[in-house]
């Protein structure tokens, strides 16, 4: 007998035909990571994130009414750029720093430039322009 399927036919199946249907699903995975910068985040996603290919097997399929799974596969197709989502900051609470209360602020700048440095740079630029 040729092993071309996981279906084991019985005598009652005599005369029936074996059919196979290939269905391609798109699985989207969105993962988050805390990192110091975009490059570190990208490296963490590459090294520690993604899909667990060992978990891709027949347990993710439906097998009812005589249907058996022949193959399950997952392949990389595409990914978006790493996207900044927010910065871990102290909560807006009088005792937040003391108590270690933090939150992710989606409105905080990705890279903080201290106000004094920013003002000094602006003044230097204005001076160079003769203003």
C-alpha atoms as a PDB file:
ATOM      1  CA  UNK A   1       0.000   0.000   0.000  1.00  0.00           C
ATOM      2  CA  UNK A   2       1.184   3.484  -0.831  1.00  0.00           C
ATOM      3  CA  UNK A   3       1.305   5.840   2.184  1.00  0.00           C
ATOM      4  CA  UNK A   4      -0.017   9.001   0.557  1.00  0.00           C
ATOM      5  CA  UNK A   5      -2.366  10.048   3.369  1.00  0.00           C
ATOM      6  CA  UNK A   6      -3.018   9.764   7.096  1.00  0.00           C
ATOM      7  CA  UNK A   7      -6.438   8.274   6.280  1.00  0.00           C
ATOM      8  CA  UNK A   8      -6.645   4.534   6.839  1.00  0.00           C
ATOM      9  CA  UNK A   9      -9.323   3.049   4.589  1.00  0.00           C
ATOM     10  CA  UNK A  10     -11.600   0.213   5.665  1.00  0.00           C
ATOM     11  CA  UNK A  11     -13.485  -2.330   3.576  1.00  0.00           C
ATOM     12  CA  UNK A  12     -16.625  -0.147   3.804  1.00  0.00           C
ATOM     13  CA  UNK A  13     -14.670   2.601   1.992  1.00  0.00           C
ATOM     14  CA  UNK A  14     -14.154   0.450  -1.125  1.00  0.00           C
ATOM     15  CA  UNK A  15     -14.887   2.526  -4.240  1.00  0.00           C
ATOM     16  CA  UNK A  16     -14.519   5.902  -2.505  1.00  0.00           C
ATOM     17  CA  UNK A  17     -12.006   8.436  -3.803  1.00  0.00           C
ATOM     18  CA  UNK A  18      -9.327  10.181  -1.730  1.00  0.00           C
ATOM     19  CA  UNK A  19      -9.336  13.967  -2.072  1.00  0.00           C
ATOM     20  CA  UNK A  20      -6.947  16.566  -0.748  1.00  0.00           C
ATOM     21  CA  UNK A  21      -7.512  20.297  -0.401  1.00  0.00           C
ATOM     22  CA  UNK A  22      -4.717  22.765   0.282  1.00  0.00           C
ATOM     23  CA  UNK A  23      -5.815  25.880   2.162  1.00  0.00           C
ATOM     24  CA  UNK A  24      -3.394  28.709   2.847  1.00  0.00           C
ATOM     25  CA  UNK A  25      -4.057  30.789   5.958  1.00  0.00           C
ATOM     26  CA  UNK A  26      -2.364  34.020   6.877  1.00  0.00           C
ATOM     27  CA  UNK A  27      -1.365  34.192  10.518  1.00  0.00           C
ATOM     28  CA  UNK A  28      -0.490  37.623  11.855  1.00  0.00           C
ATOM     29  CA  UNK A  29       1.612  37.920  14.979  1.00  0.00           C
ATOM     30  CA  UNK A  30       2.066  41.255  16.745  1.00  0.00           C
ATOM     31  CA  UNK A  31       4.543  41.196  19.601  1.00  0.00           C
ATOM     32  CA  UNK A  32       5.742  43.888  22.000  1.00  0.00           C
ATOM     33  CA  UNK A  33       9.128  44.282  23.668  1.00  0.00           C
ATOM     34  CA  UNK A  34      10.729  46.794  26.022  1.00  0.00           C
ATOM     35  CA  UNK A  35      14.105  47.938  24.658  1.00  0.00           C
ATOM     36  CA  UNK A  36      16.410  50.928  24.878  1.00  0.00           C
ATOM     37  CA  UNK A  37      16.089  51.786  21.178  1.00  0.00           C
ATOM     38  CA  UNK A  38      14.646  50.647  17.866  1.00  0.00           C
ATOM     39  CA  UNK A  39      17.753  48.663  16.843  1.00  0.00           C
ATOM     40  CA  UNK A  40      17.798  46.716  20.109  1.00  0.00           C
ATOM     41  CA  UNK A  41      14.069  46.028  19.743  1.00  0.00           C
ATOM     42  CA  UNK A  42      14.559  44.730  16.197  1.00  0.00           C
ATOM     43  CA  UNK A  43      17.351  42.404  17.337  1.00  0.00           C
ATOM     44  CA  UNK A  44      15.225  41.090  20.214  1.00  0.00           C
ATOM     45  CA  UNK A  45      12.340  40.385  17.831  1.00  0.00           C
ATOM     46  CA  UNK A  46      14.709  38.523  15.492  1.00  0.00           C
ATOM     47  CA  UNK A  47      16.437  36.533  18.248  1.00  0.00           C
ATOM     48  CA  UNK A  48      13.634  35.892  20.736  1.00  0.00           C
ATOM     49  CA  UNK A  49      10.310  36.531  18.971  1.00  0.00           C
ATOM     50  CA  UNK A  50       8.337  35.206  16.051  1.00  0.00           C
ATOM     51  CA  UNK A  51       6.549  31.933  15.691  1.00  0.00           C
ATOM     52  CA  UNK A  52       7.307  28.659  17.443  1.00  0.00           C
ATOM     53  CA  UNK A  53       7.519  26.392  14.407  1.00  0.00           C
ATOM     54  CA  UNK A  54       7.552  23.331  16.661  1.00  0.00           C
ATOM     55  CA  UNK A  55       3.980  24.236  17.675  1.00  0.00           C
ATOM     56  CA  UNK A  56       2.812  24.234  14.053  1.00  0.00           C
ATOM     57  CA  UNK A  57       1.309  20.790  13.656  1.00  0.00           C
ATOM     58  CA  UNK A  58      -1.936  18.955  13.212  1.00  0.00           C
ATOM     59  CA  UNK A  59      -3.189  20.108  16.646  1.00  0.00           C
ATOM     60  CA  UNK A  60      -4.041  23.489  15.081  1.00  0.00           C
ATOM     61  CA  UNK A  61      -6.311  21.843  12.509  1.00  0.00           C
ATOM     62  CA  UNK A  62      -9.866  20.569  12.665  1.00  0.00           C
ATOM     63  CA  UNK A  63     -10.149  16.851  11.968  1.00  0.00           C
ATOM     64  CA  UNK A  64     -13.765  15.718  11.964  1.00  0.00           C
ATOM     65  CA  UNK A  65     -15.982  13.562   9.793  1.00  0.00           C
ATOM     66  CA  UNK A  66     -13.158  11.453   8.392  1.00  0.00           C
ATOM     67  CA  UNK A  67     -10.811  14.371   7.637  1.00  0.00           C
ATOM     68  CA  UNK A  68      -7.138  13.785   8.480  1.00  0.00           C
ATOM     69  CA  UNK A  69      -4.332  16.325   8.212  1.00  0.00           C
ATOM     70  CA  UNK A  70      -1.534  15.455   5.793  1.00  0.00           C
ATOM     71  CA  UNK A  71       0.688  18.522   6.241  1.00  0.00           C
ATOM     72  CA  UNK A  72       0.909  21.789   8.181  1.00  0.00           C
ATOM     73  CA  UNK A  73       3.592  24.351   7.392  1.00  0.00           C
ATOM     74  CA  UNK A  74       4.401  27.961   8.258  1.00  0.00           C
ATOM     75  CA  UNK A  75       6.680  30.207   6.242  1.00  0.00           C
ATOM     76  CA  UNK A  76       7.879  33.762   6.707  1.00  0.00           C
ATOM     77  CA  UNK A  77       6.271  36.171   4.270  1.00  0.00           C
ATOM     78  CA  UNK A  78       6.708  39.759   5.411  1.00  0.00           C
ATOM     79  CA  UNK A  79       7.001  42.046   8.412  1.00  0.00           C
ATOM     80  CA  UNK A  80       6.509  45.712   9.177  1.00  0.00           C
ATOM     81  CA  UNK A  81       9.130  48.075  10.522  1.00  0.00           C
ATOM     82  CA  UNK A  82       9.575  48.219  14.299  1.00  0.00           C
ATOM     83  CA  UNK A  83       7.067  50.807  15.544  1.00  0.00           C
ATOM     84  CA  UNK A  84       7.490  53.003  18.621  1.00  0.00           C
ATOM     85  CA  UNK A  85       4.486  52.523  20.932  1.00  0.00           C
ATOM     86  CA  UNK A  86       5.442  54.502  24.065  1.00  0.00           C
ATOM     87  CA  UNK A  87       7.991  54.993  26.830  1.00  0.00           C
ATOM     88  CA  UNK A  88       8.051  53.616  30.356  1.00  0.00           C
ATOM     89  CA  UNK A  89       7.686  56.643  32.654  1.00  0.00           C
ATOM     90  CA  UNK A  90       6.738  57.285  36.241  1.00  0.00           C
ATOM     91  CA  UNK A  91       3.001  57.605  36.788  1.00  0.00           C
ATOM     92  CA  UNK A  92       1.589  61.075  37.365  1.00  0.00           C
ATOM     93  CA  UNK A  93       1.503  60.579  41.117  1.00  0.00           C
ATOM     94  CA  UNK A  94       3.257  62.432  43.927  1.00  0.00           C
ATOM     95  CA  UNK A  95       4.859  59.223  45.262  1.00  0.00           C
ATOM     96  CA  UNK A  96       5.345  57.388  41.948  1.00  0.00           C
ATOM     97  CA  UNK A  97       9.143  57.573  41.940  1.00  0.00           C
ATOM     98  CA  UNK A  98       9.381  56.599  45.599  1.00  0.00           C
ATOM     99  CA  UNK A  99       6.913  53.718  45.160  1.00  0.00           C
ATOM    100  CA  UNK A 100       8.261  52.644  41.760  1.00  0.00           C
ATOM    101  CA  UNK A 101       4.934  53.201  40.003  1.00  0.00           C
ATOM    102  CA  UNK A 102       5.467  53.229  36.249  1.00  0.00           C
ATOM    103  CA  UNK A 103       3.317  53.112  33.136  1.00  0.00           C
ATOM    104  CA  UNK A 104       3.747  53.183  29.375  1.00  0.00           C
ATOM    105  CA  UNK A 105       3.052  56.672  28.031  1.00  0.00           C
ATOM    106  CA  UNK A 106       2.184  56.571  24.318  1.00  0.00           C
ATOM    107  CA  UNK A 107       2.638  60.366  24.125  1.00  0.00           C
ATOM    108  CA  UNK A 108       6.195  60.490  25.505  1.00  0.00           C
ATOM    109  CA  UNK A 109       8.992  61.184  23.034  1.00  0.00           C
ATOM    110  CA  UNK A 110      10.971  58.151  21.916  1.00  0.00           C
ATOM    111  CA  UNK A 111      14.273  59.968  22.446  1.00  0.00           C
ATOM    112  CA  UNK A 112      14.361  62.536  25.230  1.00  0.00           C
ATOM    113  CA  UNK A 113      16.456  65.639  24.764  1.00  0.00           C
ATOM    114  CA  UNK A 114      16.882  67.515  28.025  1.00  0.00           C
ATOM    115  CA  UNK A 115      15.311  70.982  27.866  1.00  0.00           C
ATOM    116  CA  UNK A 116      18.602  72.788  28.617  1.00  0.00           C
ATOM    117  CA  UNK A 117      20.413  71.055  25.764  1.00  0.00           C
ATOM    118  CA  UNK A 118      17.565  71.776  23.344  1.00  0.00           C
ATOM    119  CA  UNK A 119      17.506  75.472  24.292  1.00  0.00           C
ATOM    120  CA  UNK A 120      21.300  75.732  24.037  1.00  0.00           C
ATOM    121  CA  UNK A 121      21.258  74.180  20.560  1.00  0.00           C
ATOM    122  CA  UNK A 122      18.519  76.580  19.435  1.00  0.00           C
ATOM    123  CA  UNK A 123      20.531  79.567  20.712  1.00  0.00           C
ATOM    124  CA  UNK A 124      23.707  78.356  18.933  1.00  0.00           C
ATOM    125  CA  UNK A 125      21.836  77.909  15.662  1.00  0.00           C
ATOM    126  CA  UNK A 126      20.251  81.357  15.945  1.00  0.00           C
ATOM    127  CA  UNK A 127      23.678  82.901  16.708  1.00  0.00           C
ATOM    128  CA  UNK A 128      25.223  81.212  13.642  1.00  0.00           C
ATOM    129  CA  UNK A 129      22.412  82.591  11.498  1.00  0.00           C
ATOM    130  CA  UNK A 130      23.134  86.096  12.805  1.00  0.00           C
ATOM    131  CA  UNK A 131      19.916  86.543  14.737  1.00  0.00           C
END
